[in-house]
Amino acid sequence: GDDDDDVEDDTKDDSPSSTAGSLLCSMKRSVFESDAFGRWLKSVTSLGMPEGHRGRVRRFRPGLDYTVAHYGILTTSSVLDATMCFVAGKGDQCKYDEETGDLIGSDDDAIWDSGDVGGFECYIAADEGEGEENEADDEYNEDNDTKLLSVSASDNTLSLVYRDPGTMRFVKYVGSGAPSSRWDLSLEYSVIDDDDDDDEEEEEKEDSE
């Protein structure tokens, strides 16, 4: 089934934040929950047609917001995360010095890409045998070998991540020096890997022979 967890809107004013939230909610319903988008996801991944989804519109304000990595968000099966991010900047791919590996530039895109102001989404492997909730800041460490992937905030950018059941994710605390809030559409889709379907079909053929 489909869960509809839109951002809560208790205000009826025309403030920029209220308008932005309403626009993203509309985009979520008309685009990300559409059959056409499901078919597009199927065509750009090796996965099957989405069977269900859940998600929400989120805003992370500088100096205030983040999400928590905890065992309650672990899924029993793999899911496809689709996150559409909006932040200050042009969404250009940043460049790095080939010799030193240092980030080139100091514009908004470079600030987000550096990770110094947070706002990135991090995927980490759940520790086996533990079930306690952990704060995101306590979980994340650059030297922690459980980190699997980090996705920097970038304007008007869609990221797709196929997340295994043993993987947790969180958005790093957005520092007070961030160029803007981080707005995003965050959805997860229940999908069946086409390879799994092929394996089941092969098994059925073998059983019938």
C-alpha atoms as a PDB file:
ATOM      1  CA  GLY A   1       0.000   0.000   0.000  1.00  0.00           C
ATOM      2  CA  ASP A   2       0.912   3.656  -0.278  1.00  0.00           C
ATOM      3  CA  ASP A   3       1.488   5.831   2.786  1.00  0.00           C
ATOM      4  CA  ASP A   4       0.775   9.551   2.428  1.00  0.00           C
ATOM      5  CA  ASP A   5       3.067  11.359   4.879  1.00  0.00           C
ATOM      6  CA  ASP A   6       3.010  14.889   3.492  1.00  0.00           C
ATOM      7  CA  VAL A   7       4.594  17.705   5.435  1.00  0.00           C
ATOM      8  CA  GLU A   8       2.285  19.053   8.105  1.00  0.00           C
ATOM      9  CA  ASP A   9       0.811  22.431   7.191  1.00  0.00           C
ATOM     10  CA  ASP A  10      -0.835  24.168  10.136  1.00  0.00           C
ATOM     11  CA  THR A  11      -0.545  27.609   8.564  1.00  0.00           C
ATOM     12  CA  LYS A  12      -2.797  29.148   5.967  1.00  0.00           C
ATOM     13  CA  ASP A  13      -0.603  32.130   5.132  1.00  0.00           C
ATOM     14  CA  ASP A  14       1.294  32.894   1.949  1.00  0.00           C
ATOM     15  CA  SER A  15       4.773  32.939   3.510  1.00  0.00           C
ATOM     16  CA  PRO A  16       7.625  31.641   1.334  1.00  0.00           C
ATOM     17  CA  SER A  17       8.088  28.523   3.489  1.00  0.00           C
ATOM     18  CA  SER A  18       4.370  27.699   3.394  1.00  0.00           C
ATOM     19  CA  THR A  19       4.267  28.211  -0.372  1.00  0.00           C
ATOM     20  CA  ALA A  20       7.394  26.073  -0.899  1.00  0.00           C
ATOM     21  CA  GLY A  21       5.932  23.260   1.208  1.00  0.00           C
ATOM     22  CA  SER A  22       2.666  23.354  -0.742  1.00  0.00           C
ATOM     23  CA  LEU A  23       4.485  23.274  -4.088  1.00  0.00           C
ATOM     24  CA  LEU A  24       6.594  20.292  -3.046  1.00  0.00           C
ATOM     25  CA  CYS A  25       3.522  18.439  -1.750  1.00  0.00           C
ATOM     26  CA  SER A  26       1.898  19.011  -5.126  1.00  0.00           C
ATOM     27  CA  MET A  27       5.016  17.737  -6.910  1.00  0.00           C
ATOM     28  CA  LYS A  28       5.048  14.669  -4.686  1.00  0.00           C
ATOM     29  CA  ARG A  29       1.485  13.751  -5.608  1.00  0.00           C
ATOM     30  CA  SER A  30       1.548  14.636  -9.301  1.00  0.00           C
ATOM     31  CA  VAL A  31       5.031  13.371 -10.185  1.00  0.00           C
ATOM     32  CA  PHE A  32       6.622  11.072  -7.615  1.00  0.00           C
ATOM     33  CA  GLU A  33       3.438   9.089  -6.930  1.00  0.00           C
ATOM     34  CA  SER A  34       2.506   8.768 -10.613  1.00  0.00           C
ATOM     35  CA  ASP A  35       2.590   5.602 -12.714  1.00  0.00           C
ATOM     36  CA  ALA A  36       4.743   7.465 -15.251  1.00  0.00           C
ATOM     37  CA  PHE A  37       7.436   8.087 -12.628  1.00  0.00           C
ATOM     38  CA  GLY A  38       7.236   4.445 -11.581  1.00  0.00           C
ATOM     39  CA  ARG A  39       7.837   3.380 -15.173  1.00  0.00           C
ATOM     40  CA  TRP A  40      10.773   5.808 -15.403  1.00  0.00           C
ATOM     41  CA  LEU A  41      12.320   4.357 -12.242  1.00  0.00           C
ATOM     42  CA  LYS A  42      11.978   0.891 -13.737  1.00  0.00           C
ATOM     43  CA  SER A  43      13.689   2.016 -16.956  1.00  0.00           C
ATOM     44  CA  VAL A  44      16.710   3.670 -15.266  1.00  0.00           C
ATOM     45  CA  THR A  45      17.338   0.940 -12.700  1.00  0.00           C
ATOM     46  CA  SER A  46      17.635  -2.831 -12.849  1.00  0.00           C
ATOM     47  CA  LEU A  47      14.584  -3.070 -10.605  1.00  0.00           C
ATOM     48  CA  GLY A  48      10.960  -3.911 -11.255  1.00  0.00           C
ATOM     49  CA  MET A  49       7.910  -1.649 -11.195  1.00  0.00           C
ATOM     50  CA  PRO A  50       7.338  -0.082  -7.745  1.00  0.00           C
ATOM     51  CA  GLU A  51       4.624  -1.918  -5.794  1.00  0.00           C
ATOM     52  CA  GLY A  52       4.141   0.741  -3.129  1.00  0.00           C
ATOM     53  CA  HIS A  53       5.709   3.842  -1.664  1.00  0.00           C
ATOM     54  CA  ARG A  54       5.830   6.134   1.317  1.00  0.00           C
ATOM     55  CA  GLY A  55       7.480   9.478   1.871  1.00  0.00           C
ATOM     56  CA  ARG A  56       7.213  13.096   2.828  1.00  0.00           C
ATOM     57  CA  VAL A  57       8.289  16.664   2.193  1.00  0.00           C
ATOM     58  CA  ARG A  58      11.023  17.759   4.581  1.00  0.00           C
ATOM     59  CA  ARG A  59      12.733  21.000   5.556  1.00  0.00           C
ATOM     60  CA  PHE A  60      16.006  21.191   7.485  1.00  0.00           C
ATOM     61  CA  ARG A  61      16.716  24.670   8.838  1.00  0.00           C
ATOM     62  CA  PRO A  62      20.273  25.917   9.489  1.00  0.00           C
ATOM     63  CA  GLY A  63      21.267  25.510  13.115  1.00  0.00           C
ATOM     64  CA  LEU A  64      18.161  23.496  13.971  1.00  0.00           C
ATOM     65  CA  ASP A  65      17.295  20.321  12.084  1.00  0.00           C
ATOM     66  CA  TYR A  66      18.553  16.825  11.292  1.00  0.00           C
ATOM     67  CA  THR A  67      17.209  13.278  11.321  1.00  0.00           C
ATOM     68  CA  VAL A  68      18.153  10.405  13.608  1.00  0.00           C
ATOM     69  CA  ALA A  69      19.640   7.062  12.599  1.00  0.00           C
ATOM     70  CA  HIS A  70      17.805   4.417  14.598  1.00  0.00           C
ATOM     71  CA  TYR A  71      16.857   0.774  14.269  1.00  0.00           C
ATOM     72  CA  GLY A  72      13.166   1.594  13.876  1.00  0.00           C
ATOM     73  CA  ILE A  73      13.784   2.738  10.292  1.00  0.00           C
ATOM     74  CA  LEU A  74      15.286  -0.576   9.180  1.00  0.00           C
ATOM     75  CA  THR A  75      13.180  -2.327   6.559  1.00  0.00           C
ATOM     76  CA  THR A  76      12.527  -6.052   6.213  1.00  0.00           C
ATOM     77  CA  SER A  77      13.280  -5.932   2.494  1.00  0.00           C
ATOM     78  CA  SER A  78      15.330  -3.758   0.174  1.00  0.00           C
ATOM     79  CA  VAL A  79      13.786  -0.453  -0.923  1.00  0.00           C
ATOM     80  CA  LEU A  80      14.625   2.203  -3.500  1.00  0.00           C
ATOM     81  CA  ASP A  81      15.177   5.641  -1.964  1.00  0.00           C
ATOM     82  CA  ALA A  82      14.379   8.584  -4.257  1.00  0.00           C
ATOM     83  CA  THR A  83      15.316  11.979  -2.845  1.00  0.00           C
ATOM     84  CA  MET A  84      14.805  15.259  -4.693  1.00  0.00           C
ATOM     85  CA  CYS A  85      16.859  17.980  -3.009  1.00  0.00           C
ATOM     86  CA  PHE A  86      16.551  21.780  -3.129  1.00  0.00           C
ATOM     87  CA  VAL A  87      19.155  24.096  -1.576  1.00  0.00           C
ATOM     88  CA  ALA A  88      20.915  27.368  -2.358  1.00  0.00           C
ATOM     89  CA  GLY A  89      23.270  26.979  -5.315  1.00  0.00           C
ATOM     90  CA  LYS A  90      23.140  25.999  -8.968  1.00  0.00           C
ATOM     91  CA  GLY A  91      23.386  22.248  -8.519  1.00  0.00           C
ATOM     92  CA  ASP A  92      26.622  22.132 -10.528  1.00  0.00           C
ATOM     93  CA  GLN A  93      29.062  19.281 -10.067  1.00  0.00           C
ATOM     94  CA  CYS A  94      32.025  20.481  -8.040  1.00  0.00           C
ATOM     95  CA  LYS A  95      35.623  20.100  -9.172  1.00  0.00           C
ATOM     96  CA  TYR A  96      38.605  18.867  -7.189  1.00  0.00           C
ATOM     97  CA  ASP A  97      42.318  19.484  -7.644  1.00  0.00           C
ATOM     98  CA  GLU A  98      43.770  16.396  -9.341  1.00  0.00           C
ATOM     99  CA  GLU A  99      47.027  16.572  -7.382  1.00  0.00           C
ATOM    100  CA  THR A 100      45.872  17.548  -3.895  1.00  0.00           C
ATOM    101  CA  GLY A 101      42.286  16.334  -3.997  1.00  0.00           C
ATOM    102  CA  ASP A 102      41.148  19.658  -2.523  1.00  0.00           C
ATOM    103  CA  LEU A 103      37.761  21.072  -3.409  1.00  0.00           C
ATOM    104  CA  ILE A 104      37.961  23.955  -5.888  1.00  0.00           C
ATOM    105  CA  GLY A 105      35.745  26.994  -5.347  1.00  0.00           C
ATOM    106  CA  SER A 106      33.856  28.631  -2.512  1.00  0.00           C
ATOM    107  CA  ASP A 107      30.355  29.119  -3.925  1.00  0.00           C
ATOM    108  CA  ASP A 108      27.214  27.597  -2.417  1.00  0.00           C
ATOM    109  CA  ASP A 109      27.653  24.342  -4.352  1.00  0.00           C
ATOM    110  CA  ALA A 110      31.187  23.944  -2.970  1.00  0.00           C
ATOM    111  CA  ILE A 111      30.044  24.736   0.568  1.00  0.00           C
ATOM    112  CA  TRP A 112      27.427  21.966   0.468  1.00  0.00           C
ATOM    113  CA  ASP A 113      29.776  19.522  -1.231  1.00  0.00           C
ATOM    114  CA  SER A 114      32.487  20.048   1.388  1.00  0.00           C
ATOM    115  CA  GLY A 115      30.217  18.598   4.070  1.00  0.00           C
ATOM    116  CA  ASP A 116      31.422  21.220   6.547  1.00  0.00           C
ATOM    117  CA  VAL A 117      27.912  22.628   7.045  1.00  0.00           C
ATOM    118  CA  GLY A 118      26.212  19.211   7.125  1.00  0.00           C
ATOM    119  CA  GLY A 119      22.922  18.744   5.319  1.00  0.00           C
ATOM    120  CA  PHE A 120      24.135  15.615   3.527  1.00  0.00           C
ATOM    121  CA  GLU A 121      22.381  12.254   3.688  1.00  0.00           C
ATOM    122  CA  CYS A 122      24.490   9.442   5.080  1.00  0.00           C
ATOM    123  CA  TYR A 123      23.961   5.679   4.802  1.00  0.00           C
ATOM    124  CA  ILE A 124      25.523   3.462   7.464  1.00  0.00           C
ATOM    125  CA  ALA A 125      25.499  -0.241   8.237  1.00  0.00           C
ATOM    126  CA  ALA A 126      23.541  -1.187  11.350  1.00  0.00           C
ATOM    127  CA  ASP A 127      25.642  -2.710  14.117  1.00  0.00           C
ATOM    128  CA  GLU A 128      24.672  -6.309  14.697  1.00  0.00           C
ATOM    129  CA  GLY A 129      23.362  -7.154  18.131  1.00  0.00           C
ATOM    130  CA  GLU A 130      22.397  -3.590  19.012  1.00  0.00           C
ATOM    131  CA  GLY A 131      18.937  -2.091  18.977  1.00  0.00           C
ATOM    132  CA  GLU A 132      19.250   1.198  20.780  1.00  0.00           C
ATOM    133  CA  GLU A 133      18.340   4.480  19.175  1.00  0.00           C
ATOM    134  CA  ASN A 134      21.359   6.626  18.382  1.00  0.00           C
ATOM    135  CA  GLU A 135      21.650  10.309  17.658  1.00  0.00           C
ATOM    136  CA  ALA A 136      22.792  11.048  14.124  1.00  0.00           C
ATOM    137  CA  ASP A 137      25.799  13.022  15.336  1.00  0.00           C
ATOM    138  CA  ASP A 138      26.844  10.100  17.554  1.00  0.00           C
ATOM    139  CA  GLU A 139      26.475   7.594  14.718  1.00  0.00           C
ATOM    140  CA  TYR A 140      28.428   9.485  12.081  1.00  0.00           C
ATOM    141  CA  ASN A 141      32.193   9.546  12.091  1.00  0.00           C
ATOM    142  CA  GLU A 142      34.368  10.051   9.012  1.00  0.00           C
ATOM    143  CA  ASP A 143      36.650   7.277  10.220  1.00  0.00           C
ATOM    144  CA  ASN A 144      33.772   4.902  10.985  1.00  0.00           C
ATOM    145  CA  ASP A 145      34.026   1.879   8.714  1.00  0.00           C
ATOM    146  CA  THR A 146      30.258   1.317   8.863  1.00  0.00           C
ATOM    147  CA  LYS A 147      29.661   4.327   6.590  1.00  0.00           C
ATOM    148  CA  LEU A 148      28.531   3.088   3.192  1.00  0.00           C
ATOM    149  CA  LEU A 149      27.575   6.208   1.267  1.00  0.00           C
ATOM    150  CA  SER A 150      27.270   9.966   1.687  1.00  0.00           C
ATOM    151  CA  VAL A 151      25.116  12.085  -0.652  1.00  0.00           C
ATOM    152  CA  SER A 152      25.835  15.817  -0.553  1.00  0.00           C
ATOM    153  CA  ALA A 153      23.009  18.339  -0.723  1.00  0.00           C
ATOM    154  CA  SER A 154      22.757  19.764  -4.238  1.00  0.00           C
ATOM    155  CA  ASP A 155      20.073  21.962  -5.742  1.00  0.00           C
ATOM    156  CA  ASN A 156      17.436  20.441  -8.025  1.00  0.00           C
ATOM    157  CA  THR A 157      19.162  17.069  -7.814  1.00  0.00           C
ATOM    158  CA  LEU A 158      17.550  13.627  -7.665  1.00  0.00           C
ATOM    159  CA  SER A 159      19.432  10.795  -5.951  1.00  0.00           C
ATOM    160  CA  LEU A 160      18.476   7.136  -6.224  1.00  0.00           C
ATOM    161  CA  VAL A 161      19.840   4.620  -3.690  1.00  0.00           C
ATOM    162  CA  TYR A 162      18.888   0.943  -3.417  1.00  0.00           C
ATOM    163  CA  ARG A 163      18.942   0.358   0.345  1.00  0.00           C
ATOM    164  CA  ASP A 164      19.414  -3.088   1.897  1.00  0.00           C
ATOM    165  CA  PRO A 165      17.504  -4.140   5.057  1.00  0.00           C
ATOM    166  CA  GLY A 166      20.602  -3.754   7.240  1.00  0.00           C
ATOM    167  CA  THR A 167      21.234  -0.145   6.264  1.00  0.00           C
ATOM    168  CA  MET A 168      20.198   3.006   8.136  1.00  0.00           C
ATOM    169  CA  ARG A 169      20.182   6.555   6.803  1.00  0.00           C
ATOM    170  CA  PHE A 170      20.030  10.046   8.268  1.00  0.00           C
ATOM    171  CA  VAL A 171      20.466  13.690   7.271  1.00  0.00           C
ATOM    172  CA  LYS A 172      23.386  15.332   9.052  1.00  0.00           C
ATOM    173  CA  TYR A 173      22.639  18.346  11.241  1.00  0.00           C
ATOM    174  CA  VAL A 174      22.513  21.498   9.088  1.00  0.00           C
ATOM    175  CA  GLY A 175      24.999  23.957  10.564  1.00  0.00           C
ATOM    176  CA  SER A 176      24.195  27.589  11.234  1.00  0.00           C
ATOM    177  CA  GLY A 177      26.655  28.575   8.499  1.00  0.00           C
ATOM    178  CA  ALA A 178      24.740  26.720   5.768  1.00  0.00           C
ATOM    179  CA  PRO A 179      23.766  28.855   2.745  1.00  0.00           C
ATOM    180  CA  SER A 180      20.079  27.938   3.123  1.00  0.00           C
ATOM    181  CA  SER A 181      17.615  25.421   4.449  1.00  0.00           C
ATOM    182  CA  ARG A 182      17.600  21.987   2.860  1.00  0.00           C
ATOM    183  CA  TRP A 183      14.210  21.163   1.354  1.00  0.00           C
ATOM    184  CA  ASP A 184      13.615  17.731  -0.115  1.00  0.00           C
ATOM    185  CA  LEU A 185      11.108  15.189  -1.302  1.00  0.00           C
ATOM    186  CA  SER A 186      12.078  11.911   0.344  1.00  0.00           C
ATOM    187  CA  LEU A 187      10.340   8.745  -0.816  1.00  0.00           C
ATOM    188  CA  GLU A 188      11.064   5.053  -0.563  1.00  0.00           C
ATOM    189  CA  TYR A 189       9.628   2.589  -3.048  1.00  0.00           C
ATOM    190  CA  SER A 190       8.936  -1.096  -2.525  1.00  0.00           C
ATOM    191  CA  VAL A 191      10.338  -2.793  -5.605  1.00  0.00           C
ATOM    192  CA  ILE A 192      11.192  -6.301  -6.717  1.00  0.00           C
ATOM    193  CA  ASP A 193      14.551  -6.890  -8.330  1.00  0.00           C
ATOM    194  CA  ASP A 194      14.018  -8.248 -11.846  1.00  0.00           C
ATOM    195  CA  ASP A 195      16.892 -10.674 -11.212  1.00  0.00           C
ATOM    196  CA  ASP A 196      14.897 -12.145  -8.310  1.00  0.00           C
ATOM    197  CA  ASP A 197      11.929 -12.622 -10.631  1.00  0.00           C
ATOM    198  CA  ASP A 198      14.155 -14.394 -13.151  1.00  0.00           C
ATOM    199  CA  ASP A 199      15.551 -16.686 -10.424  1.00  0.00           C
ATOM    200  CA  GLU A 200      12.044 -17.596  -9.275  1.00  0.00           C
ATOM    201  CA  GLU A 201      10.987 -18.333 -12.847  1.00  0.00           C
ATOM    202  CA  GLU A 202      14.036 -20.577 -13.312  1.00  0.00           C
ATOM    203  CA  GLU A 203      13.220 -22.419 -10.093  1.00  0.00           C
ATOM    204  CA  GLU A 204       9.623 -22.919 -11.204  1.00  0.00           C
ATOM    205  CA  LYS A 205      10.814 -24.309 -14.559  1.00  0.00           C
ATOM    206  CA  GLU A 206      13.204 -26.716 -12.817  1.00  0.00           C
ATOM    207  CA  ASP A 207      10.445 -27.899 -10.478  1.00  0.00           C
ATOM    208  CA  SER A 208       8.095 -28.570 -13.386  1.00  0.00           C
ATOM    209  CA  GLU A 209      10.639 -30.610 -15.343  1.00  0.00           C
END
